[in-house]
N, C-alpha and C. Protein backbone atom coordinates (compact mmCIF):
# COMPACT_ATOMS: atom_id res chain seq x y z
N MET A 1 0.83 -1.18 0.02
CA MET A 1 -0.02 0.00 0.01
C MET A 1 0.89 1.23 0.00
N SER A 2 0.73 2.03 -0.97
CA SER A 2 1.41 3.33 -1.04
C SER A 2 0.55 4.30 -1.86
N GLU A 3 0.38 5.46 -1.32
CA GLU A 3 -0.48 6.40 -1.96
C GLU A 3 0.08 7.81 -1.79
N THR A 4 0.30 8.49 -2.90
CA THR A 4 0.83 9.84 -2.83
C THR A 4 -0.37 10.81 -2.97
N LEU A 5 -0.41 11.82 -2.10
CA LEU A 5 -1.51 12.75 -2.17
C LEU A 5 -1.05 14.14 -1.84
N THR A 6 -1.79 15.09 -2.29
CA THR A 6 -1.50 16.52 -2.01
C THR A 6 -2.49 16.91 -0.94
N VAL A 7 -1.93 17.41 0.19
CA VAL A 7 -2.81 17.80 1.31
C VAL A 7 -3.31 19.22 1.07
N GLY A 8 -4.18 19.70 1.97
CA GLY A 8 -4.89 20.93 1.80
C GLY A 8 -4.07 22.16 1.56
N ASP A 9 -2.84 22.17 2.05
CA ASP A 9 -1.98 23.43 1.82
C ASP A 9 -1.07 23.23 0.67
N GLY A 10 -1.24 22.13 -0.14
CA GLY A 10 -0.47 21.95 -1.39
C GLY A 10 0.79 21.11 -1.25
N ARG A 11 1.13 20.70 -0.02
CA ARG A 11 2.32 19.82 0.14
C ARG A 11 1.91 18.42 -0.21
N VAL A 12 2.98 17.73 -0.69
CA VAL A 12 2.83 16.33 -1.14
C VAL A 12 3.33 15.38 -0.06
N VAL A 13 2.57 14.35 0.14
CA VAL A 13 2.89 13.39 1.19
C VAL A 13 2.61 11.94 0.65
N THR A 14 3.31 11.02 1.11
CA THR A 14 3.09 9.56 0.75
C THR A 14 2.62 8.85 1.94
N LEU A 15 1.49 8.19 1.79
CA LEU A 15 0.99 7.25 2.83
C LEU A 15 1.39 5.87 2.45
N ARG A 16 2.04 5.15 3.47
CA ARG A 16 2.48 3.81 3.18
C ARG A 16 2.55 3.00 4.46
N ARG A 17 2.59 1.67 4.35
CA ARG A 17 2.79 0.86 5.50
C ARG A 17 4.14 1.11 6.11
N VAL A 18 4.23 0.90 7.40
CA VAL A 18 5.54 1.09 8.09
C VAL A 18 6.55 0.04 7.69
N THR A 19 7.79 0.41 7.85
CA THR A 19 8.91 -0.55 7.72
C THR A 19 9.61 -0.59 9.06
N GLY A 20 10.52 -1.51 9.17
CA GLY A 20 11.31 -1.59 10.42
C GLY A 20 12.10 -0.30 10.71
N ALA A 21 12.56 0.32 9.67
CA ALA A 21 13.36 1.51 9.82
C ALA A 21 12.55 2.67 10.36
N ASP A 22 11.23 2.54 10.20
CA ASP A 22 10.35 3.64 10.68
C ASP A 22 10.12 3.62 12.19
N GLN A 23 10.45 2.53 12.82
CA GLN A 23 10.13 2.40 14.25
C GLN A 23 10.70 3.48 15.13
N PRO A 24 11.99 3.81 15.10
CA PRO A 24 12.48 4.91 15.97
C PRO A 24 11.79 6.22 15.72
N PRO A 25 11.65 6.73 14.46
CA PRO A 25 11.00 8.00 14.32
C PRO A 25 9.50 7.98 14.70
N VAL A 26 8.82 6.90 14.47
CA VAL A 26 7.40 6.79 14.86
C VAL A 26 7.26 6.85 16.35
N LEU A 27 8.05 6.05 17.03
CA LEU A 27 8.01 6.02 18.51
C LEU A 27 8.35 7.40 19.07
N GLN A 28 9.31 8.09 18.42
CA GLN A 28 9.69 9.40 18.92
C GLN A 28 8.51 10.42 18.68
N LEU A 29 7.87 10.30 17.53
CA LEU A 29 6.75 11.16 17.21
C LEU A 29 5.64 11.00 18.27
N LEU A 30 5.31 9.76 18.55
CA LEU A 30 4.27 9.49 19.60
C LEU A 30 4.72 10.01 20.97
N ALA A 31 5.97 9.82 21.31
CA ALA A 31 6.46 10.35 22.62
C ALA A 31 6.39 11.84 22.61
N ASP A 32 6.80 12.51 21.50
CA ASP A 32 6.82 13.96 21.42
C ASP A 32 5.40 14.52 21.64
N LEU A 33 4.41 13.83 21.13
CA LEU A 33 2.99 14.25 21.21
C LEU A 33 2.27 13.66 22.43
N LYS A 34 3.07 13.00 23.32
CA LYS A 34 2.53 12.48 24.60
C LYS A 34 1.45 11.46 24.35
N LEU A 35 1.62 10.61 23.32
CA LEU A 35 0.73 9.50 23.10
C LEU A 35 1.40 8.21 23.58
N PRO A 36 0.56 7.30 24.03
CA PRO A 36 1.16 6.01 24.55
C PRO A 36 1.84 5.19 23.48
N THR A 37 2.97 4.59 23.88
CA THR A 37 3.69 3.67 22.92
C THR A 37 3.55 2.20 23.31
N ALA A 38 2.96 1.95 24.43
CA ALA A 38 2.76 0.56 24.88
C ALA A 38 1.90 -0.20 23.83
N GLY A 39 2.43 -1.34 23.40
CA GLY A 39 1.70 -2.18 22.50
C GLY A 39 1.92 -1.83 21.02
N VAL A 40 2.53 -0.66 20.71
CA VAL A 40 2.74 -0.29 19.32
C VAL A 40 3.49 -1.37 18.56
N VAL A 41 4.61 -1.82 19.10
CA VAL A 41 5.44 -2.80 18.45
C VAL A 41 4.68 -4.09 18.14
N ASP A 42 3.74 -4.48 19.03
CA ASP A 42 2.95 -5.68 18.88
C ASP A 42 2.06 -5.63 17.62
N TRP A 43 1.68 -4.46 17.20
CA TRP A 43 0.80 -4.26 16.07
C TRP A 43 1.47 -3.54 14.95
N TRP A 44 2.80 -3.52 14.96
CA TRP A 44 3.57 -2.68 14.08
C TRP A 44 3.16 -2.79 12.62
N ARG A 45 2.93 -3.98 12.13
CA ARG A 45 2.61 -4.15 10.73
C ARG A 45 1.27 -3.57 10.31
N ARG A 46 0.48 -3.17 11.29
CA ARG A 46 -0.87 -2.57 11.04
C ARG A 46 -0.83 -1.03 11.08
N PHE A 47 0.36 -0.44 11.03
CA PHE A 47 0.49 1.00 11.07
C PHE A 47 0.74 1.53 9.71
N THR A 48 0.28 2.76 9.50
CA THR A 48 0.52 3.54 8.29
C THR A 48 1.21 4.81 8.62
N VAL A 49 2.22 5.18 7.83
CA VAL A 49 2.86 6.48 8.05
C VAL A 49 2.61 7.40 6.91
N ALA A 50 2.78 8.70 7.20
CA ALA A 50 2.79 9.71 6.18
C ALA A 50 4.27 10.22 6.14
N GLU A 51 4.78 10.23 4.90
CA GLU A 51 6.14 10.66 4.75
C GLU A 51 6.25 11.76 3.73
N SER A 52 7.10 12.73 4.06
CA SER A 52 7.36 13.84 3.12
C SER A 52 8.83 14.20 3.21
N GLY A 53 9.50 14.26 2.10
CA GLY A 53 10.88 14.65 2.13
C GLY A 53 11.74 13.74 2.95
N GLY A 54 11.38 12.46 3.03
CA GLY A 54 12.15 11.49 3.77
C GLY A 54 11.88 11.50 5.28
N ALA A 55 10.95 12.34 5.72
CA ALA A 55 10.64 12.43 7.19
C ALA A 55 9.23 11.93 7.41
N ILE A 56 9.06 11.26 8.55
CA ILE A 56 7.76 10.79 9.03
C ILE A 56 7.02 12.02 9.57
N VAL A 57 5.89 12.35 9.00
CA VAL A 57 5.15 13.56 9.46
C VAL A 57 3.82 13.18 10.09
N GLY A 58 3.43 11.92 10.04
CA GLY A 58 2.19 11.43 10.65
C GLY A 58 2.13 9.95 10.70
N VAL A 59 1.27 9.44 11.57
CA VAL A 59 1.14 7.98 11.72
C VAL A 59 -0.27 7.68 12.25
N ALA A 60 -0.74 6.47 11.95
CA ALA A 60 -1.99 5.93 12.56
C ALA A 60 -1.87 4.44 12.57
N GLY A 61 -2.47 3.81 13.57
CA GLY A 61 -2.42 2.39 13.66
C GLY A 61 -3.78 1.79 13.90
N ILE A 62 -3.90 0.50 13.62
CA ILE A 62 -5.19 -0.19 13.89
C ILE A 62 -4.85 -1.54 14.45
N GLU A 63 -5.57 -1.97 15.44
CA GLU A 63 -5.48 -3.29 16.05
C GLU A 63 -6.70 -4.05 15.69
N ALA A 64 -6.59 -5.29 15.35
CA ALA A 64 -7.73 -6.12 14.92
C ALA A 64 -8.14 -7.09 15.97
N TYR A 65 -9.41 -7.09 16.33
CA TYR A 65 -9.99 -7.99 17.31
C TYR A 65 -11.33 -8.51 16.78
N GLY A 66 -11.20 -9.46 15.85
CA GLY A 66 -12.41 -10.01 15.27
C GLY A 66 -13.18 -8.93 14.46
N SER A 67 -14.45 -8.75 14.81
CA SER A 67 -15.21 -7.75 14.02
C SER A 67 -15.00 -6.34 14.59
N GLY A 68 -14.21 -6.22 15.66
CA GLY A 68 -13.88 -4.88 16.19
C GLY A 68 -12.44 -4.52 15.90
N ALA A 69 -12.19 -3.25 15.71
CA ALA A 69 -10.88 -2.74 15.46
C ALA A 69 -10.62 -1.57 16.46
N LEU A 70 -9.41 -1.43 16.86
CA LEU A 70 -9.00 -0.33 17.77
C LEU A 70 -8.13 0.62 16.98
N LEU A 71 -8.63 1.84 16.77
CA LEU A 71 -7.81 2.89 16.14
C LEU A 71 -6.94 3.50 17.22
N ARG A 72 -5.65 3.63 16.89
CA ARG A 72 -4.73 4.16 17.91
C ARG A 72 -3.60 4.91 17.28
N SER A 73 -2.93 5.69 18.17
CA SER A 73 -1.67 6.31 17.76
C SER A 73 -1.84 7.16 16.53
N VAL A 74 -2.94 7.90 16.45
CA VAL A 74 -3.12 8.88 15.36
C VAL A 74 -2.34 10.15 15.77
N ALA A 75 -1.27 10.41 15.02
CA ALA A 75 -0.37 11.53 15.38
C ALA A 75 0.08 12.23 14.12
N VAL A 76 -0.01 13.54 14.13
CA VAL A 76 0.40 14.37 13.02
C VAL A 76 1.28 15.48 13.59
N ARG A 77 2.45 15.66 12.97
CA ARG A 77 3.33 16.75 13.45
C ARG A 77 2.59 18.08 13.40
N PRO A 78 2.78 18.96 14.40
CA PRO A 78 2.01 20.15 14.50
C PRO A 78 2.02 21.03 13.21
N GLU A 79 3.13 21.08 12.48
CA GLU A 79 3.14 21.88 11.23
C GLU A 79 2.44 21.27 10.08
N TRP A 80 1.88 20.04 10.28
CA TRP A 80 1.11 19.36 9.21
C TRP A 80 -0.39 19.27 9.59
N ARG A 81 -0.73 19.86 10.71
CA ARG A 81 -2.17 19.82 11.14
C ARG A 81 -2.98 20.73 10.32
N SER A 82 -4.27 20.47 10.29
CA SER A 82 -5.25 21.28 9.55
C SER A 82 -4.98 21.23 8.04
N THR A 83 -4.39 20.12 7.60
CA THR A 83 -4.17 19.95 6.11
C THR A 83 -5.00 18.81 5.56
N GLY A 84 -5.67 18.05 6.41
CA GLY A 84 -6.38 16.80 5.96
C GLY A 84 -5.54 15.56 6.12
N LEU A 85 -4.31 15.72 6.57
CA LEU A 85 -3.41 14.54 6.71
C LEU A 85 -3.95 13.53 7.77
N GLY A 86 -4.45 14.06 8.90
CA GLY A 86 -4.96 13.15 9.90
C GLY A 86 -6.11 12.35 9.36
N ARG A 87 -7.02 13.02 8.67
CA ARG A 87 -8.20 12.32 8.10
C ARG A 87 -7.70 11.26 7.11
N ALA A 88 -6.71 11.56 6.29
CA ALA A 88 -6.21 10.61 5.30
C ALA A 88 -5.61 9.42 6.00
N LEU A 89 -4.87 9.57 7.05
CA LEU A 89 -4.28 8.51 7.80
C LEU A 89 -5.36 7.60 8.44
N VAL A 90 -6.34 8.25 9.06
CA VAL A 90 -7.42 7.46 9.70
C VAL A 90 -8.19 6.72 8.64
N ASN A 91 -8.56 7.34 7.54
CA ASN A 91 -9.24 6.65 6.48
C ASN A 91 -8.47 5.44 6.00
N ALA A 92 -7.15 5.56 5.80
CA ALA A 92 -6.29 4.47 5.34
C ALA A 92 -6.35 3.25 6.29
N VAL A 93 -6.22 3.49 7.57
CA VAL A 93 -6.19 2.34 8.49
C VAL A 93 -7.60 1.78 8.70
N LEU A 94 -8.61 2.67 8.68
CA LEU A 94 -9.99 2.14 8.79
C LEU A 94 -10.36 1.30 7.54
N ASP A 95 -9.96 1.73 6.35
CA ASP A 95 -10.20 0.96 5.13
C ASP A 95 -9.54 -0.44 5.27
N SER A 96 -8.32 -0.47 5.79
CA SER A 96 -7.59 -1.71 5.99
C SER A 96 -8.36 -2.61 6.96
N ALA A 97 -8.87 -2.02 8.07
CA ALA A 97 -9.62 -2.79 9.04
C ALA A 97 -10.89 -3.37 8.40
N ARG A 98 -11.60 -2.59 7.64
CA ARG A 98 -12.79 -3.06 6.97
C ARG A 98 -12.47 -4.19 5.99
N GLU A 99 -11.40 -4.02 5.23
CA GLU A 99 -10.99 -5.11 4.28
C GLU A 99 -10.67 -6.38 5.02
N ASP A 100 -10.22 -6.31 6.28
CA ASP A 100 -9.90 -7.45 7.04
C ASP A 100 -11.08 -8.00 7.82
N GLY A 101 -12.30 -7.41 7.60
CA GLY A 101 -13.49 -7.97 8.17
C GLY A 101 -14.03 -7.26 9.44
N ALA A 102 -13.41 -6.16 9.79
CA ALA A 102 -13.93 -5.42 10.96
C ALA A 102 -15.25 -4.69 10.58
N HIS A 103 -16.17 -4.66 11.51
CA HIS A 103 -17.47 -3.97 11.33
C HIS A 103 -17.55 -2.69 12.15
N ASP A 104 -16.72 -2.63 13.19
CA ASP A 104 -16.76 -1.48 14.11
C ASP A 104 -15.36 -1.05 14.50
N ALA A 105 -15.20 0.27 14.61
CA ALA A 105 -13.90 0.77 15.08
C ALA A 105 -14.12 1.52 16.38
N TYR A 106 -13.15 1.42 17.28
CA TYR A 106 -13.22 2.06 18.60
C TYR A 106 -11.91 2.79 18.79
N LEU A 107 -11.93 3.79 19.68
CA LEU A 107 -10.73 4.51 20.02
C LEU A 107 -10.89 5.06 21.44
N LEU A 108 -9.75 5.39 22.01
CA LEU A 108 -9.65 6.05 23.33
C LEU A 108 -8.90 7.40 23.11
N THR A 109 -9.38 8.41 23.76
CA THR A 109 -8.66 9.72 23.58
C THR A 109 -8.75 10.50 24.88
N THR A 110 -7.71 11.20 25.17
CA THR A 110 -7.76 12.15 26.28
C THR A 110 -7.64 13.60 25.78
N THR A 111 -7.38 13.73 24.48
CA THR A 111 -7.11 15.10 23.96
C THR A 111 -7.84 15.42 22.67
N ALA A 112 -8.45 14.46 21.95
CA ALA A 112 -9.03 14.72 20.68
C ALA A 112 -10.50 14.34 20.56
N GLU A 113 -11.19 14.46 21.65
CA GLU A 113 -12.61 14.15 21.66
C GLU A 113 -13.44 15.01 20.72
N HIS A 114 -12.93 16.23 20.43
CA HIS A 114 -13.63 17.14 19.50
C HIS A 114 -13.25 16.93 18.05
N TYR A 115 -12.15 16.25 17.79
CA TYR A 115 -11.70 16.01 16.45
C TYR A 115 -12.41 14.81 15.82
N PHE A 116 -12.50 13.71 16.49
CA PHE A 116 -12.99 12.47 15.89
C PHE A 116 -14.43 12.47 15.47
N PRO A 117 -15.34 13.30 16.06
CA PRO A 117 -16.72 13.31 15.50
C PRO A 117 -16.71 13.74 14.02
N ARG A 118 -15.81 14.51 13.62
CA ARG A 118 -15.69 14.97 12.19
C ARG A 118 -15.46 13.75 11.29
N LEU A 119 -14.94 12.68 11.92
CA LEU A 119 -14.65 11.46 11.10
C LEU A 119 -15.63 10.36 11.37
N GLY A 120 -16.81 10.75 11.97
CA GLY A 120 -17.92 9.75 12.12
C GLY A 120 -17.93 9.04 13.44
N PHE A 121 -17.05 9.42 14.42
CA PHE A 121 -17.00 8.71 15.73
C PHE A 121 -17.93 9.42 16.64
N THR A 122 -18.58 8.66 17.53
CA THR A 122 -19.43 9.16 18.58
C THR A 122 -18.94 8.59 19.93
N VAL A 123 -19.16 9.31 20.98
CA VAL A 123 -18.80 8.93 22.35
C VAL A 123 -19.75 7.80 22.79
N ILE A 124 -19.17 6.74 23.38
CA ILE A 124 -19.96 5.66 23.90
C ILE A 124 -19.44 5.25 25.31
N PRO A 125 -20.23 4.55 26.08
CA PRO A 125 -19.71 4.08 27.34
C PRO A 125 -18.66 3.01 27.16
N ARG A 126 -17.70 2.92 28.02
CA ARG A 126 -16.65 1.94 27.97
C ARG A 126 -17.25 0.54 27.97
N SER A 127 -18.31 0.37 28.67
CA SER A 127 -18.96 -0.94 28.78
C SER A 127 -19.54 -1.47 27.47
N ASN A 128 -19.72 -0.55 26.41
CA ASN A 128 -20.24 -0.98 25.15
C ASN A 128 -19.21 -1.48 24.22
N VAL A 129 -17.91 -1.47 24.62
CA VAL A 129 -16.82 -1.97 23.79
C VAL A 129 -16.72 -3.50 23.99
N PRO A 130 -16.57 -4.23 22.89
CA PRO A 130 -16.46 -5.69 23.02
C PRO A 130 -15.26 -6.12 23.94
N PRO A 131 -15.48 -7.15 24.67
CA PRO A 131 -14.42 -7.63 25.57
C PRO A 131 -13.02 -7.88 24.92
N ALA A 132 -13.00 -8.30 23.73
CA ALA A 132 -11.73 -8.49 23.06
C ALA A 132 -10.96 -7.18 22.90
N VAL A 133 -11.66 -6.13 22.53
CA VAL A 133 -11.04 -4.82 22.37
C VAL A 133 -10.66 -4.28 23.78
N GLN A 134 -11.53 -4.49 24.76
CA GLN A 134 -11.20 -4.04 26.09
C GLN A 134 -9.98 -4.76 26.65
N ALA A 135 -9.61 -5.91 26.14
CA ALA A 135 -8.49 -6.65 26.64
C ALA A 135 -7.17 -6.12 26.05
N SER A 136 -7.20 -5.17 25.11
CA SER A 136 -6.03 -4.64 24.48
C SER A 136 -5.16 -3.90 25.50
N VAL A 137 -3.87 -3.81 25.25
CA VAL A 137 -2.95 -3.03 26.04
C VAL A 137 -3.43 -1.65 26.18
N GLU A 138 -3.92 -1.04 25.14
CA GLU A 138 -4.40 0.34 25.15
C GLU A 138 -5.50 0.51 26.15
N PHE A 139 -6.50 -0.35 26.20
CA PHE A 139 -7.59 -0.30 27.18
C PHE A 139 -7.11 -0.63 28.52
N ARG A 140 -6.31 -1.71 28.70
CA ARG A 140 -5.93 -2.21 30.01
C ARG A 140 -4.91 -1.34 30.70
N ASP A 141 -3.88 -0.82 29.93
CA ASP A 141 -2.80 -0.20 30.60
C ASP A 141 -2.37 1.19 30.02
N ALA A 142 -2.44 1.38 28.76
CA ALA A 142 -1.80 2.54 28.14
C ALA A 142 -2.64 3.81 28.35
N CYS A 143 -3.95 3.73 28.31
CA CYS A 143 -4.77 4.93 28.46
C CYS A 143 -5.44 4.92 29.82
N PRO A 144 -5.58 6.10 30.41
CA PRO A 144 -6.26 6.16 31.71
C PRO A 144 -7.75 5.79 31.57
N THR A 145 -8.33 5.34 32.68
CA THR A 145 -9.75 4.98 32.67
C THR A 145 -10.62 6.21 32.47
N THR A 146 -10.07 7.42 32.58
CA THR A 146 -10.80 8.62 32.28
C THR A 146 -10.84 9.00 30.78
N ALA A 147 -10.14 8.24 29.97
CA ALA A 147 -10.10 8.51 28.54
C ALA A 147 -11.53 8.34 27.95
N VAL A 148 -11.83 9.22 26.99
CA VAL A 148 -13.11 9.10 26.31
C VAL A 148 -13.06 7.98 25.27
N VAL A 149 -14.14 7.17 25.29
CA VAL A 149 -14.26 6.06 24.35
C VAL A 149 -15.21 6.42 23.23
N MET A 150 -14.73 6.18 22.02
CA MET A 150 -15.53 6.53 20.85
C MET A 150 -15.73 5.31 19.92
N HIS A 151 -16.78 5.36 19.11
CA HIS A 151 -17.09 4.24 18.19
C HIS A 151 -17.56 4.79 16.84
N ARG A 152 -17.23 3.96 15.83
CA ARG A 152 -17.71 4.29 14.50
C ARG A 152 -18.01 2.93 13.79
N PRO A 153 -19.17 2.78 13.18
CA PRO A 153 -19.43 1.60 12.40
C PRO A 153 -18.57 1.69 11.11
N LEU A 154 -18.17 0.53 10.61
CA LEU A 154 -17.31 0.49 9.42
C LEU A 154 -18.11 -0.11 8.24
N THR A 155 -19.37 0.10 8.19
CA THR A 155 -20.17 -0.48 7.18
C THR A 155 -20.21 0.33 5.91
N SER A 156 -19.76 1.58 5.99
CA SER A 156 -19.73 2.46 4.76
C SER A 156 -18.35 2.90 4.55
N ALA A 157 -18.11 3.49 3.37
CA ALA A 157 -16.77 3.95 3.02
C ALA A 157 -16.30 5.04 3.97
N THR A 158 -15.05 5.06 4.29
CA THR A 158 -14.52 6.02 5.22
C THR A 158 -14.21 7.34 4.57
N ARG A 159 -14.04 7.43 3.32
CA ARG A 159 -13.61 8.65 2.68
C ARG A 159 -14.72 9.52 2.37
């Protein structure tokens, strides 16, 4: 999977699956933006990066749990925000989850509760999340119990 696109401010970026060489810059990006890194390596092959000029400028990951998927680690460098890059990354990993048979996507957030409704997510009670997703590292350990839980059905196209 590799897709080159022009974002809202005219810059060109390539969305692609991660490689092993991407691990240090991706983990640093997540740390810089104060996002949890626990469990990232376990799902490494399910991450998509945005690259421009040889630098990682954004990332998003998806964890698969049967018909449920956990969207995680959506991070965009501050100078790339408000360009549509975050939406493109989220759409790419949600499309991948749907292709793999997921019907629902879930996420946890402590900072972006107002961003994700633009992408079709709604706030739900933690108890409405399937047990398999709740057993993830993200739910068990990485995010505080005060994190907002959101859901989006994956029955329609994400774009």
